[in-house]
C-alpha atoms as a PDB file:
ATOM      1  CA  GLY A   1      -1.851  -1.351 -13.668  1.00  0.00           C
ATOM      2  CA  GLY A   2      -0.005  -4.369 -11.592  1.00  0.00           C
ATOM      3  CA  ALA A   3       0.206  -6.364 -14.921  1.00  0.00           C
ATOM      4  CA  ALA A   4       1.683  -3.439 -16.857  1.00  0.00           C
ATOM      5  CA  ALA A   5       4.462  -2.517 -14.161  1.00  0.00           C
ATOM      6  CA  LEU A   6       5.627  -6.107 -14.502  1.00  0.00           C
ATOM      7  CA  ASP A   7       4.960  -5.966 -18.291  1.00  0.00           C
ATOM      8  CA  GLU A   8       2.732  -9.112 -17.924  1.00  0.00           C
ATOM      9  CA  ALA A   9      -0.396  -6.856 -19.468  1.00  0.00           C
ATOM     10  CA  GLY A  10      -2.565  -9.557 -21.744  1.00  0.00           C
ATOM     11  CA  ARG A  11      -1.169 -12.278 -20.066  1.00  0.00           C
ATOM     12  CA  CYS A  12      -2.677 -12.315 -16.729  1.00  0.00           C
ATOM     13  CA  GLY A  13      -5.701 -10.370 -14.734  1.00  0.00           C
ATOM     14  CA  ARG A  14      -8.462 -13.392 -15.970  1.00  0.00           C
ATOM     15  CA  ILE A  15      -8.792 -16.646 -15.519  1.00  0.00           C
ATOM     16  CA  GLN A  16      -8.842 -18.514 -18.988  1.00  0.00           C
ATOM     17  CA  PRO A  17      -6.396 -20.119 -21.675  1.00  0.00           C
ATOM     18  CA  GLY A  18      -3.249 -18.350 -22.181  1.00  0.00           C
ATOM     19  CA  PHE A  19      -3.424 -16.141 -18.993  1.00  0.00           C
ATOM     20  CA  HIS A  20      -1.142 -17.209 -16.006  1.00  0.00           C
ATOM     21  CA  ALA A  21      -2.975 -18.274 -13.151  1.00  0.00           C
ATOM     22  CA  ASP A  22      -1.775 -18.187  -9.398  1.00  0.00           C
ATOM     23  CA  LEU A  23      -4.919 -19.389  -7.704  1.00  0.00           C
ATOM     24  CA  ILE A  24      -5.403 -21.048  -3.934  1.00  0.00           C
ATOM     25  CA  THR A  25      -8.660 -22.508  -3.128  1.00  0.00           C
ATOM     26  CA  VAL A  26      -9.772 -22.232   0.691  1.00  0.00           C
ATOM     27  CA  ASP A  27     -11.752 -24.637   3.042  1.00  0.00           C
ATOM     28  CA  LEU A  28     -14.781 -22.958   4.321  1.00  0.00           C
ATOM     29  CA  LYS A  29     -16.178 -25.357   6.358  1.00  0.00           C
ATOM     30  CA  SER A  30     -14.407 -24.486   9.402  1.00  0.00           C
ATOM     31  CA  PRO A  31     -16.424 -23.092  12.028  1.00  0.00           C
ATOM     32  CA  ARG A  32     -14.194 -19.900  12.276  1.00  0.00           C
ATOM     33  CA  LEU A  33     -14.627 -19.016   8.753  1.00  0.00           C
ATOM     34  CA  ILE A  34     -18.304 -18.913   8.602  1.00  0.00           C
ATOM     35  CA  PRO A  35     -18.978 -15.513   7.068  1.00  0.00           C
ATOM     36  CA  SER A  36     -20.127 -12.527   9.413  1.00  0.00           C
ATOM     37  CA  GLY A  37     -21.091 -10.434   6.353  1.00  0.00           C
ATOM     38  CA  ASN A  38     -18.111  -9.984   4.664  1.00  0.00           C
ATOM     39  CA  LEU A  39     -15.803 -13.275   3.168  1.00  0.00           C
ATOM     40  CA  LEU A  40     -12.853 -11.025   2.922  1.00  0.00           C
ATOM     41  CA  HIS A  41     -12.956  -9.736   5.610  1.00  0.00           C
ATOM     42  CA  THR A  42     -13.514 -13.098   7.605  1.00  0.00           C
ATOM     43  CA  LEU A  43     -10.392 -14.987   5.561  1.00  0.00           C
ATOM     44  CA  PHE A  44      -8.055 -12.219   6.241  1.00  0.00           C
ATOM     45  CA  GLU A  45      -9.352 -12.134  10.267  1.00  0.00           C
ATOM     46  CA  CYS A  46      -9.926 -15.525  10.691  1.00  0.00           C
ATOM     47  CA  GLY A  47      -8.231 -17.505   8.015  1.00  0.00           C
ATOM     48  CA  GLU A  48      -4.760 -19.711   8.991  1.00  0.00           C
ATOM     49  CA  PRO A  49      -2.412 -21.529   6.330  1.00  0.00           C
ATOM     50  CA  GLY A  50      -4.009 -24.663   7.598  1.00  0.00           C
ATOM     51  CA  ASP A  51      -7.314 -23.748   5.615  1.00  0.00           C
ATOM     52  CA  VAL A  52      -5.602 -23.559   1.972  1.00  0.00           C
ATOM     53  CA  ARG A  53      -6.953 -26.624   0.426  1.00  0.00           C
ATOM     54  CA  ASP A  54      -5.439 -26.066  -3.409  1.00  0.00           C
ATOM     55  CA  VAL A  55      -2.468 -24.058  -4.640  1.00  0.00           C
ATOM     56  CA  LEU A  56      -1.909 -23.055  -8.615  1.00  0.00           C
ATOM     57  CA  VAL A  57       1.086 -21.260  -9.987  1.00  0.00           C
ATOM     58  CA  GLY A  58       1.349 -20.950 -13.173  1.00  0.00           C
ATOM     59  CA  GLY A  59      -1.808 -23.205 -13.845  1.00  0.00           C
ATOM     60  CA  LYS A  60      -0.127 -26.192 -12.368  1.00  0.00           C
ATOM     61  CA  PHE A  61      -0.754 -27.776  -8.872  1.00  0.00           C
ATOM     62  CA  LEU A  62       1.613 -27.531  -6.667  1.00  0.00           C
ATOM     63  CA  MET A  63      -0.402 -28.608  -4.110  1.00  0.00           C
ATOM     64  CA  ARG A  64      -3.755 -30.309  -4.137  1.00  0.00           C
ATOM     65  CA  ASN A  65      -6.292 -31.538  -1.395  1.00  0.00           C
ATOM     66  CA  ARG A  66      -3.669 -30.421   1.248  1.00  0.00           C
ATOM     67  CA  GLU A  67      -1.134 -32.966  -0.353  1.00  0.00           C
ATOM     68  CA  ILE A  68       2.289 -31.299  -1.879  1.00  0.00           C
ATOM     69  CA  LEU A  69       3.131 -32.145  -5.225  1.00  0.00           C
ATOM     70  CA  ALA A  70       5.632 -30.329  -6.170  1.00  0.00           C
ATOM     71  CA  LEU A  71       8.324 -31.233  -3.013  1.00  0.00           C
ATOM     72  CA  ASP A  72       9.503 -34.570  -1.624  1.00  0.00           C
ATOM     73  CA  GLU A  73       8.307 -33.810   1.563  1.00  0.00           C
ATOM     74  CA  GLU A  74       9.068 -36.967   3.015  1.00  0.00           C
ATOM     75  CA  ARG A  75      12.835 -36.531   1.715  1.00  0.00           C
ATOM     76  CA  ILE A  76      12.845 -32.967   3.329  1.00  0.00           C
ATOM     77  CA  LEU A  77      11.324 -34.643   6.736  1.00  0.00           C
ATOM     78  CA  ARG A  78      13.981 -37.030   6.761  1.00  0.00           C
ATOM     79  CA  GLU A  79      16.534 -34.429   5.910  1.00  0.00           C
ATOM     80  CA  ALA A  80      15.493 -32.214   8.479  1.00  0.00           C
ATOM     81  CA  ARG A  81      15.474 -35.068  11.233  1.00  0.00           C
ATOM     82  CA  ASP A  82      18.784 -36.496  10.296  1.00  0.00           C
ATOM     83  CA  TYR A  83      20.362 -32.589  10.618  1.00  0.00           C
ATOM     84  CA  MET A  84      18.568 -32.138  13.825  1.00  0.00           C
ATOM     85  CA  GLU A  85      20.037 -35.408  15.024  1.00  0.00           C
ATOM     86  CA  LYS A  86      23.764 -33.891  14.237  1.00  0.00           C
END
């Protein structure tokens, strides 16, 4: 009922053309993420932010292969360093 509550019924809940897509992919090669019988439990108990490889929002990549595409990361870091120096 979540889609209906957000007035999105018929536009989400499936991975197909015309539907909204917010997805992440997780790199499962880390030794701490070797499934112990239940992959979901393993992800929730052992997963870390650094395990996220790709982020798609509205069907558009914001991060791909751990490279941030939607922000000017260098500018943000430079501005943060400049601010800290002041």
